Amino acid sequence: MKNIHDLKIEHIFFQDVRNGIKDFEIRYNDRGFRVGDILRLHEWIDGEYTGNQVSKIVKYISSYEQKTGFVVLGLMDILEAE
C-alpha cells in the first residue's frame, strides 16, 4: 500500500525538484518511507507555505553514509511510474 507523505520543502530546493534537476531528498526517516510512496512536497519560505506543491514517487531508498535515522530518497515523476 502506497503512503502519501505531505512534507515541507525549502524554497531554494523546490524549483529544482519540480524541474527534475534534484531527483532526491534526504529526510529523517520518522515516517517509515517505502519505495512506491508518494511525497507531496509543499514549498516553504520564511516560515509559511506558498501554496505551490509537487508530487513525486519514491523509487529508491538508501541509508548509506547518512546520519543515524536519515535516508536518501530517490525520486521520479508520477507519470514516469505509470
Protein backbone atom coordinates (compact mmCIF):
# COMPACT_ATOMS: atom_id res chain seq x y z
CA MET A 1 0.00 0.00 0.00
CA LYS A 2 1.41 3.36 -1.04
CA ASN A 3 1.51 6.09 1.55
CA ILE A 4 1.27 9.79 0.78
CA HIS A 5 3.61 11.97 2.81
CA ASP A 6 2.93 15.71 2.96
CA LEU A 7 6.26 17.43 3.59
CA LYS A 8 7.68 20.93 3.61
CA ILE A 9 10.44 21.75 1.15
CA GLU A 10 12.51 24.90 1.33
CA HIS A 11 12.03 27.39 -1.48
CA ILE A 12 15.67 27.09 -2.58
CA PHE A 13 15.14 23.39 -3.45
CA PHE A 14 11.53 23.42 -4.65
CA GLN A 15 12.04 24.52 -8.27
CA ASP A 16 14.90 22.07 -8.84
CA VAL A 17 12.77 19.19 -7.57
CA ARG A 18 9.82 20.33 -9.68
CA ASN A 19 12.04 20.51 -12.80
CA GLY A 20 13.66 17.12 -12.14
CA ILE A 21 17.14 18.59 -11.63
CA LYS A 22 17.20 17.47 -7.98
CA ASP A 23 15.86 13.91 -8.02
CA PHE A 24 16.44 13.03 -4.39
CA GLU A 25 15.54 14.13 -0.88
CA ILE A 26 17.46 13.48 2.32
CA ARG A 27 14.99 13.07 5.16
CA TYR A 28 14.80 11.84 8.71
CA ASN A 29 13.00 8.51 8.42
CA ASP A 30 10.38 9.02 11.09
CA ARG A 31 7.64 8.01 8.65
CA GLY A 32 8.85 4.60 7.51
CA PHE A 33 9.32 5.64 3.88
CA ARG A 34 8.98 2.84 1.32
CA VAL A 35 9.59 2.51 -2.39
CA GLY A 36 6.36 3.45 -4.17
CA ASP A 37 5.30 6.04 -1.58
CA ILE A 38 4.30 9.47 -2.81
CA LEU A 39 5.95 12.62 -1.49
CA ARG A 40 3.71 15.65 -1.77
CA LEU A 41 6.21 18.47 -1.30
CA HIS A 42 4.85 21.87 -0.24
CA GLU A 43 7.04 24.90 -0.92
CA TRP A 44 8.02 26.68 2.31
CA ILE A 45 9.57 30.15 2.54
CA ASP A 46 10.09 32.42 5.51
CA GLY A 47 8.04 30.18 7.81
CA GLU A 48 4.99 30.00 5.53
CA TYR A 49 3.61 27.80 2.77
CA THR A 50 3.50 29.44 -0.67
CA GLY A 51 0.69 27.24 -1.99
CA ASN A 52 2.99 25.60 -4.55
CA GLN A 53 3.40 21.86 -4.41
CA VAL A 54 4.84 18.99 -6.41
CA SER A 55 4.29 15.26 -6.05
CA LYS A 56 6.98 12.64 -6.67
CA ILE A 57 7.21 8.88 -6.21
CA VAL A 58 9.97 7.29 -4.13
CA LYS A 59 11.89 4.99 -6.48
CA TYR A 60 14.91 4.18 -4.31
CA ILE A 61 15.91 4.40 -0.64
CA SER A 62 19.39 4.29 0.87
CA SER A 63 20.79 4.99 4.31
CA TYR A 64 24.41 4.53 3.16
CA GLU A 65 26.77 7.09 4.73
CA GLN A 66 23.86 9.05 6.25
CA LYS A 67 23.49 10.41 9.76
CA THR A 68 21.68 7.98 12.05
CA GLY A 69 17.99 7.83 11.21
CA PHE A 70 18.29 9.65 7.86
CA VAL A 71 17.71 8.23 4.38
CA VAL A 72 18.22 9.33 0.80
CA LEU A 73 15.01 9.03 -1.21
CA GLY A 74 15.45 8.73 -4.97
CA LEU A 75 12.51 10.45 -6.68
CA MET A 76 10.75 10.25 -10.03
CA ASP A 77 7.78 11.94 -11.61
CA ILE A 78 4.47 10.22 -11.13
CA LEU A 79 4.00 9.94 -14.92
CA GLU A 80 7.30 8.04 -15.22
CA ALA A 81 5.96 5.36 -12.86
CA GLU A 82 2.78 4.69 -14.86
